[in-house]
Protein backbone atom coordinates (compact mmCIF):
# COMPACT_ATOMS: atom_id res chain seq x y z
CA UNK A 1 37.80 -1.02 -59.48
CA UNK A 2 40.95 -1.48 -57.38
CA UNK A 3 41.54 0.94 -54.57
CA UNK A 4 44.97 2.60 -54.64
CA UNK A 5 47.36 1.97 -51.78
CA UNK A 6 47.50 5.65 -50.90
CA UNK A 7 43.72 5.95 -50.86
CA UNK A 8 43.26 2.87 -48.69
CA UNK A 9 45.94 4.02 -46.26
CA UNK A 10 44.21 7.40 -46.01
CA UNK A 11 40.93 5.61 -45.27
CA UNK A 12 42.57 3.54 -42.50
CA UNK A 13 44.23 6.63 -41.01
CA UNK A 14 40.95 8.54 -41.12
CA UNK A 15 39.21 5.63 -39.38
CA UNK A 16 41.79 5.62 -36.58
CA UNK A 17 41.61 9.41 -36.16
CA UNK A 18 37.81 9.31 -36.09
CA UNK A 19 37.88 6.53 -33.49
CA UNK A 20 40.30 8.52 -31.34
CA UNK A 21 38.06 11.58 -31.51
CA UNK A 22 34.99 9.53 -30.63
CA UNK A 23 36.78 7.92 -27.70
CA UNK A 24 37.75 11.30 -26.37
CA UNK A 25 34.24 12.72 -26.71
CA UNK A 26 32.02 9.82 -25.73
CA UNK A 27 30.90 9.58 -22.11
CA UNK A 28 29.62 6.04 -22.40
CA UNK A 29 31.10 2.94 -20.82
CA UNK A 30 32.46 0.31 -23.17
CA UNK A 31 31.50 -3.32 -23.28
CA UNK A 32 33.08 -5.43 -20.54
CA UNK A 33 32.64 -8.97 -19.32
CA UNK A 34 30.41 -9.19 -16.25
CA UNK A 35 32.29 -9.75 -12.98
CA UNK A 36 31.45 -9.21 -9.31
CA UNK A 37 33.99 -9.31 -6.49
CA UNK A 38 33.45 -11.04 -3.16
CA UNK A 39 36.00 -10.64 -0.36
CA UNK A 40 35.11 -12.96 2.52
CA UNK A 41 36.94 -12.68 5.83
CA UNK A 42 36.51 -15.09 8.71
CA UNK A 43 37.30 -14.25 12.34
CA UNK A 44 36.24 -17.12 14.57
CA UNK A 45 32.60 -17.75 13.73
CA UNK A 46 32.10 -14.25 12.32
CA UNK A 47 32.02 -13.85 8.54
CA UNK A 48 32.47 -10.43 6.94
CA UNK A 49 31.70 -10.05 3.25
CA UNK A 50 32.47 -7.15 0.97
CA UNK A 51 30.54 -7.63 -2.28
CA UNK A 52 31.18 -5.31 -5.22
CA UNK A 53 28.59 -5.49 -8.02
CA UNK A 54 28.72 -3.42 -11.20
CA UNK A 55 25.85 -0.94 -11.43
CA UNK A 56 25.56 -1.58 -15.17
CA UNK A 57 24.79 -5.24 -14.42
CA UNK A 58 22.24 -4.39 -11.73
CA UNK A 59 20.60 -1.90 -14.07
CA UNK A 60 20.22 -4.57 -16.74
CA UNK A 61 18.24 -6.73 -14.30
CA UNK A 62 16.41 -4.21 -12.12
CA UNK A 63 16.05 -1.24 -14.52
CA UNK A 64 17.52 1.28 -12.10
CA UNK A 65 17.75 4.10 -14.65
CA UNK A 66 14.33 5.56 -13.95
CA UNK A 67 14.72 8.63 -16.18
CA UNK A 68 16.26 6.61 -19.05
CA UNK A 69 19.18 9.01 -19.49
CA UNK A 70 21.68 6.09 -19.47
CA UNK A 71 23.44 7.62 -16.43
CA UNK A 72 22.82 6.11 -13.02
CA UNK A 73 22.69 8.66 -10.21
CA UNK A 74 23.02 7.94 -6.49
CA UNK A 75 19.41 9.04 -6.11
CA UNK A 76 18.21 6.40 -8.57
CA UNK A 77 20.24 3.71 -6.85
CA UNK A 78 19.26 4.81 -3.33
CA UNK A 79 15.53 4.56 -4.06
CA UNK A 80 15.99 0.95 -5.19
CA UNK A 81 18.37 -0.27 -2.46
CA UNK A 82 15.69 -2.50 -0.94
CA UNK A 83 15.21 -4.25 -4.29
CA UNK A 84 18.96 -4.50 -4.85
CA UNK A 85 19.60 -6.06 -1.43
CA UNK A 86 16.76 -8.52 -1.88
CA UNK A 87 17.96 -9.56 -5.33
CA UNK A 88 21.61 -9.91 -4.27
CA UNK A 89 20.95 -11.82 -1.03
CA UNK A 90 18.57 -14.19 -2.81
CA UNK A 91 21.47 -15.03 -5.16
CA UNK A 92 23.91 -16.09 -2.42
CA UNK A 93 23.49 -19.02 0.00
CA UNK A 94 26.13 -19.95 2.55
CA UNK A 95 26.26 -23.23 4.43
CA UNK A 96 23.10 -24.44 2.67
CA UNK A 97 21.15 -21.46 3.96
CA UNK A 98 22.17 -21.90 7.60
CA UNK A 99 24.49 -18.87 7.53
CA UNK A 100 22.48 -15.66 7.19
CA UNK A 101 24.22 -12.40 6.35
CA UNK A 102 22.90 -9.00 7.37
CA UNK A 103 23.96 -5.52 6.38
CA UNK A 104 26.92 -4.34 8.50
CA UNK A 105 27.40 -0.91 6.89
CA UNK A 106 25.32 1.26 4.54
CA UNK A 107 25.90 0.54 0.83
CA UNK A 108 28.29 2.79 -1.07
CA UNK A 109 29.26 3.44 -4.66
CA UNK A 110 32.85 3.25 -5.90
CA UNK A 111 34.02 4.53 -9.28
CA UNK A 112 36.59 2.33 -10.98
CA UNK A 113 38.34 2.30 -14.30
CA UNK A 114 35.60 0.10 -15.79
CA UNK A 115 32.60 1.89 -14.25
CA UNK A 116 30.74 2.34 -10.97
CA UNK A 117 30.21 -0.50 -8.48
CA UNK A 118 27.79 -0.85 -5.60
CA UNK A 119 29.63 -2.01 -2.47
CA UNK A 120 27.64 -4.13 -0.02
CA UNK A 121 29.16 -4.90 3.38
CA UNK A 122 27.54 -7.86 5.11
CA UNK A 123 28.17 -9.84 8.29
CA UNK A 124 26.92 -13.04 9.89
CA UNK A 125 27.59 -15.34 12.83
CA UNK A 126 28.20 -18.75 11.30
CA UNK A 127 29.75 -21.97 12.48
CA UNK A 128 31.74 -22.24 9.28
CA UNK A 129 33.87 -25.28 10.14
CA UNK A 130 36.82 -26.27 7.97
CA UNK A 131 35.05 -25.56 4.70
CA UNK A 132 32.50 -23.13 3.32
CA UNK A 133 29.53 -24.30 1.26
CA UNK A 134 28.61 -21.51 -1.16
CA UNK A 135 25.87 -21.36 -3.76
CA UNK A 136 26.39 -18.28 -5.96
CA UNK A 137 23.63 -17.50 -8.48
CA UNK A 138 23.92 -13.77 -9.23
CA UNK A 139 22.65 -12.88 -12.74
CA UNK A 140 22.31 -16.58 -13.59
CA UNK A 141 18.99 -16.03 -15.36
CA UNK A 142 20.17 -13.14 -17.54
CA UNK A 143 23.92 -13.36 -18.17
CA UNK A 144 25.74 -16.67 -18.79
CA UNK A 145 29.08 -14.80 -18.99
CA UNK A 146 28.94 -13.52 -15.40
CA UNK A 147 31.45 -14.73 -12.83
CA UNK A 148 31.85 -14.03 -9.13
CA UNK A 149 35.52 -13.69 -8.15
CA UNK A 150 35.90 -14.78 -4.54
CA UNK A 151 38.78 -14.06 -2.17
CA UNK A 152 38.73 -16.01 1.12
CA UNK A 153 40.90 -15.22 4.12
CA UNK A 154 40.97 -15.96 7.85
CA UNK A 155 42.62 -14.41 10.89
CA UNK A 156 45.98 -15.94 11.68
CA UNK A 157 48.21 -15.03 8.75
CA UNK A 158 47.34 -17.81 6.28
CA UNK A 159 47.56 -16.81 2.63
CA UNK A 160 44.14 -15.97 1.15
CA UNK A 161 42.76 -18.21 -1.59
CA UNK A 162 40.74 -17.32 -4.65
CA UNK A 163 38.03 -18.99 -6.64
CA UNK A 164 35.96 -18.08 -9.67
CA UNK A 165 32.27 -18.80 -9.06
CA UNK A 166 30.03 -19.82 -11.95
CA UNK A 167 26.37 -18.91 -11.23
CA UNK A 168 25.28 -21.94 -13.25
CA UNK A 169 27.72 -24.33 -11.60
CA UNK A 170 25.72 -25.09 -8.47
CA UNK A 171 26.96 -25.16 -4.85
CA UNK A 172 30.66 -25.71 -4.16
CA UNK A 173 32.51 -26.55 -0.93
CA UNK A 174 35.65 -24.48 -0.44
CA UNK A 175 38.31 -25.09 2.19
CA UNK A 176 39.22 -22.18 4.44
CA UNK A 177 42.93 -21.32 4.17
CA UNK A 178 44.96 -22.37 7.18
CA UNK A 179 42.02 -23.84 9.12
CA UNK A 180 42.71 -27.14 10.90
CA UNK A 181 41.08 -29.96 8.99
CA UNK A 182 41.07 -28.11 5.70
CA UNK A 183 42.72 -29.45 2.61
CA UNK A 184 45.67 -27.79 0.87
CA UNK A 185 44.73 -24.13 0.42
CA UNK A 186 46.04 -24.18 -3.14
CA UNK A 187 43.31 -26.68 -3.95
CA UNK A 188 40.66 -24.12 -3.08
CA UNK A 189 41.19 -22.38 -6.39
CA UNK A 190 41.00 -25.76 -8.16
CA UNK A 191 41.02 -25.29 -11.95
CA UNK A 192 38.31 -22.62 -11.92
CA UNK A 193 40.49 -19.93 -13.47
CA UNK A 194 41.65 -22.37 -16.16
CA UNK A 195 38.01 -23.04 -17.02
CA UNK A 196 37.33 -19.33 -16.90
CA UNK A 197 40.09 -18.74 -19.44
CA UNK A 198 38.51 -21.25 -21.83
CA UNK A 199 35.09 -19.77 -21.16
CA UNK A 200 36.35 -16.23 -21.73
CA UNK A 201 37.76 -16.94 -25.18
CA UNK A 202 34.78 -19.04 -26.32
CA UNK A 203 32.26 -16.33 -25.41
CA UNK A 204 34.59 -13.55 -26.59
CA UNK A 205 33.16 -13.18 -30.09
CA UNK A 206 35.46 -10.27 -30.87
CA UNK A 207 38.58 -12.30 -30.08
CA UNK A 208 37.26 -15.25 -32.12
CA UNK A 209 36.47 -13.00 -35.09
CA UNK A 210 39.99 -11.58 -34.95
CA UNK A 211 41.44 -15.10 -35.04
CA UNK A 212 39.18 -16.04 -37.95
CA UNK A 213 40.38 -12.96 -39.88
CA UNK A 214 43.96 -14.14 -39.36
CA UNK A 215 43.06 -17.68 -40.46
CA UNK A 216 41.09 -16.90 -43.64
CA UNK A 217 44.17 -16.34 -45.87
CA UNK A 218 46.28 -19.03 -44.14
CA UNK A 219 45.24 -21.74 -46.60
CA UNK A 220 46.16 -19.59 -49.61
CA UNK A 221 49.31 -18.08 -51.05
CA UNK A 222 49.24 -14.52 -52.34
CA UNK A 223 50.75 -14.27 -55.83
CA UNK A 224 51.10 -11.21 -58.10
CA UNK A 225 48.34 -12.68 -60.27
CA UNK A 226 46.08 -13.53 -57.35
CA UNK A 227 45.49 -16.15 -54.64
CA UNK A 228 46.17 -19.86 -55.01
CA UNK A 229 45.59 -22.71 -52.51
CA UNK A 230 48.50 -24.16 -50.55
CA UNK A 231 49.52 -27.65 -51.63
CA UNK A 232 49.96 -29.28 -48.23
CA UNK A 233 48.46 -28.57 -44.82
CA UNK A 234 51.92 -27.83 -43.42
CA UNK A 235 52.17 -24.74 -45.63
CA UNK A 236 49.14 -23.35 -43.80
CA UNK A 237 49.76 -24.63 -40.28
CA UNK A 238 53.37 -23.56 -39.65
CA UNK A 239 53.02 -19.89 -40.72
CA UNK A 240 49.74 -19.73 -38.82
CA UNK A 241 51.41 -21.07 -35.68
CA UNK A 242 53.97 -18.27 -35.94
CA UNK A 243 51.24 -15.61 -36.15
CA UNK A 244 49.20 -17.10 -33.30
CA UNK A 245 52.34 -17.46 -31.17
CA UNK A 246 53.12 -13.75 -31.57
CA UNK A 247 49.53 -12.90 -30.68
CA UNK A 248 49.71 -15.19 -27.63
CA UNK A 249 53.02 -13.76 -26.35
CA UNK A 250 51.69 -10.22 -26.70
CA UNK A 251 48.39 -10.69 -24.93
CA UNK A 252 50.12 -12.68 -22.18
CA UNK A 253 52.39 -9.68 -21.55
CA UNK A 254 49.59 -7.16 -21.23
CA UNK A 255 47.41 -9.59 -19.30
CA UNK A 256 50.15 -9.83 -16.65
CA UNK A 257 50.92 -6.10 -16.66
CA UNK A 258 47.26 -5.16 -16.25
CA UNK A 259 46.67 -7.84 -13.63
CA UNK A 260 49.62 -6.58 -11.58
CA UNK A 261 48.33 -3.00 -12.00
CA UNK A 262 51.59 -1.96 -13.66
CA UNK A 263 49.56 -0.59 -16.57
CA UNK A 264 45.88 0.34 -16.43
CA UNK A 265 43.87 1.36 -19.49
CA UNK A 266 40.13 1.92 -19.45
CA UNK A 267 37.91 -0.61 -21.25
CA UNK A 268 36.39 2.47 -22.90
CA UNK A 269 39.64 2.65 -24.92
CA UNK A 270 40.56 -1.05 -25.13
CA UNK A 271 37.20 -2.47 -26.29
CA UNK A 272 36.85 -0.08 -29.27
CA UNK A 273 40.55 -0.68 -29.96
CA UNK A 274 39.88 -4.41 -30.27
CA UNK A 275 37.15 -3.67 -32.82
CA UNK A 276 39.64 -1.57 -34.83
CA UNK A 277 42.21 -4.42 -34.85
CA UNK A 278 39.55 -6.71 -36.32
CA UNK A 279 38.77 -4.19 -39.03
CA UNK A 280 42.44 -3.81 -39.97
CA UNK A 281 43.08 -7.58 -40.03
CA UNK A 282 40.01 -8.07 -42.23
CA UNK A 283 40.91 -5.20 -44.58
CA UNK A 284 44.38 -6.72 -45.01
CA UNK A 285 42.72 -9.85 -46.40
CA UNK A 286 41.12 -7.71 -49.12
CA UNK A 287 44.04 -5.40 -49.76
CA UNK A 288 47.51 -5.82 -48.17
CA UNK A 289 47.60 -2.72 -45.97
CA UNK A 290 49.85 -4.52 -43.47
CA UNK A 291 52.29 -5.25 -46.32
CA UNK A 292 53.06 -8.82 -45.30
CA UNK A 293 54.04 -7.92 -41.72
CA UNK A 294 51.25 -9.94 -40.17
CA UNK A 295 53.43 -11.42 -37.41
CA UNK A 296 54.48 -7.96 -36.27
CA UNK A 297 50.93 -6.63 -36.34
CA UNK A 298 49.62 -9.77 -34.65
CA UNK A 299 51.99 -8.99 -31.80
CA UNK A 300 50.93 -5.34 -31.65
CA UNK A 301 47.24 -6.24 -31.86
CA UNK A 302 47.75 -8.93 -29.22
CA UNK A 303 48.94 -6.26 -26.78
CA UNK A 304 45.53 -4.60 -27.14
CA UNK A 305 43.59 -7.86 -26.84
CA UNK A 306 45.51 -8.75 -23.67
CA UNK A 307 43.99 -5.78 -21.88
CA UNK A 308 40.60 -7.11 -22.92
CA UNK A 309 41.34 -10.34 -21.02
CA UNK A 310 42.68 -8.57 -17.96
CA UNK A 311 41.32 -6.60 -15.06
CA UNK A 312 39.38 -9.03 -12.92
CA UNK A 313 42.30 -10.55 -11.01
CA UNK A 314 43.74 -7.13 -10.23
CA UNK A 315 40.66 -6.24 -8.21
CA UNK A 316 41.23 -9.14 -5.77
CA UNK A 317 44.50 -7.67 -4.45
CA UNK A 318 46.13 -11.09 -4.06
CA UNK A 319 49.56 -11.94 -2.69
CA UNK A 320 52.03 -12.30 -5.53
CA UNK A 321 52.22 -16.12 -5.39
CA UNK A 322 48.46 -16.57 -5.50
CA UNK A 323 48.11 -13.98 -8.22
CA UNK A 324 50.70 -15.73 -10.39
CA UNK A 325 48.98 -19.11 -9.94
CA UNK A 326 45.55 -17.68 -10.81
CA UNK A 327 46.97 -15.69 -13.74
CA UNK A 328 48.79 -18.75 -15.10
CA UNK A 329 45.64 -20.86 -14.86
CA UNK A 330 43.58 -18.21 -16.61
CA UNK A 331 46.15 -17.65 -19.35
CA UNK A 332 46.53 -21.38 -20.01
CA UNK A 333 42.75 -21.59 -20.28
CA UNK A 334 42.72 -18.74 -22.78
CA UNK A 335 45.38 -20.50 -24.86
CA UNK A 336 43.54 -23.83 -24.69
CA UNK A 337 40.34 -22.17 -25.89
CA UNK A 338 42.24 -20.30 -28.57
CA UNK A 339 43.85 -23.50 -29.87
CA UNK A 340 40.42 -25.15 -30.04
CA UNK A 341 39.11 -22.29 -32.16
CA UNK A 342 42.18 -22.27 -34.43
CA UNK A 343 42.09 -26.05 -34.93
CA UNK A 344 38.38 -26.20 -35.83
CA UNK A 345 38.48 -23.20 -38.18
CA UNK A 346 41.74 -24.21 -39.86
CA UNK A 347 40.49 -27.76 -40.56
CA UNK A 348 37.35 -26.34 -42.17
CA UNK A 349 39.31 -23.84 -44.27
CA UNK A 350 41.79 -26.49 -45.42
CA UNK A 351 38.86 -28.55 -46.64
CA UNK A 352 37.54 -25.55 -48.62
CA UNK A 353 40.80 -24.19 -49.99
CA UNK A 354 40.51 -25.79 -53.47
CA UNK A 355 37.02 -24.36 -54.04
CA UNK A 356 37.47 -21.92 -56.91
CA UNK A 357 35.21 -19.37 -55.25
CA UNK A 358 37.11 -19.46 -51.98
CA UNK A 359 39.17 -16.28 -52.65
CA UNK A 360 36.11 -14.27 -53.68
CA UNK A 361 33.38 -15.55 -51.38
CA UNK A 362 35.14 -16.92 -48.30
CA UNK A 363 38.22 -14.71 -48.10
CA UNK A 364 36.99 -11.39 -49.47
CA UNK A 365 33.32 -11.86 -48.66
CA UNK A 366 34.04 -13.14 -45.15
CA UNK A 367 36.52 -10.33 -44.53
CA UNK A 368 34.06 -7.70 -45.75
CA UNK A 369 31.46 -9.09 -43.37
CA UNK A 370 34.03 -8.99 -40.54
CA UNK A 371 34.73 -5.31 -41.31
CA UNK A 372 31.00 -4.58 -41.10
CA UNK A 373 30.53 -6.44 -37.81
CA UNK A 374 33.62 -4.83 -36.27
CA UNK A 375 32.46 -1.38 -37.39
CA UNK A 376 29.12 -1.97 -35.65
CA UNK A 377 30.95 -3.13 -32.51
CA UNK A 378 33.06 0.02 -32.66
CA UNK A 379 29.93 2.15 -32.72
CA UNK A 380 28.32 0.12 -29.93
CA UNK A 381 31.34 0.42 -27.68
CA UNK A 382 31.88 4.11 -28.27
CA UNK A 383 28.26 5.19 -27.91
CA UNK A 384 27.14 2.48 -25.44
CA UNK A 385 24.30 1.20 -27.60
CA UNK A 386 23.21 -2.32 -28.45
CA UNK A 387 22.71 -3.23 -32.12
CA UNK A 388 23.91 -6.81 -32.47
CA UNK A 389 22.75 -9.64 -30.15
CA UNK A 390 26.41 -10.61 -29.63
CA UNK A 391 29.45 -8.48 -28.85
């Protein structure tokens, strides 16, 4: 039985209202990619490190929540500080282990928009030379998505440099900015943020599912009597490029705004919002609730997804030039990863478009499955529970 337009619109409105109420009532933290922030300052042979690590990530490894109430207190953290220090310091080697860092100040906790972080302040006397050899392995054994975002600066006025550290990437040698004998400081960031952009989209299952929902009807034409396959690949590719371009422009805007701290929205709102955009895009494949305005809604949805990409660079407090370079690298990586996903999926769908069961099984069945998965993600992100092995 076909669902009336008015009834379906009421269902969508009710879903959005319910989500808004849940977001306002839920105390839980939403899903967020795992990042830690390292700010390393060199003064002569003295190295000072501020290391900010999310408590939710430490809890996942060290089980800090002793009373299992899903709320970490300072008392719970304080009783495990010895374990936390040991775990963190074992995950960071400088100058092939010849530079030893010790605690310079007592640990502290800082509340941020995406949750609480433990702040470690460390110091060591190291003959660092023109370059720093760093082996960063935090959370390597438990979280392949984790990245350490490193800011390096020295006394003397040279612009700081940034680098994204992959715990699985092994040791890297990084030039100190402005130090005699060092290479061009801009090279210190290498292409790490470009690779991070690709990595972020490829492990961002919610972003990929949203793209797939946009792609499923691209190889068909909607007629009053039903769906029919496009005749040539160009009929699918060019409209799809328009939709993806609008999505790209939108998330690039919010990625920059959030990174520059012009606009800040909690992941507790953004991550469930991304799940809702997936549900709406998938429902539109079953019944045209967006009324053919997919480019417009792709732009609007892209604004939400852009906040999902953002946040990490803002925490590094970079000079404008360095921020723009890192942001551009990251955004280009996101687009490269996105194009890879679009190309692979679109080729597969073009090959399947003449299958007579495509509209029923692939389009409607796949979209219904996407609605289900996105609804589960919405619940996970609102109530901070884990149901699916991917998110």
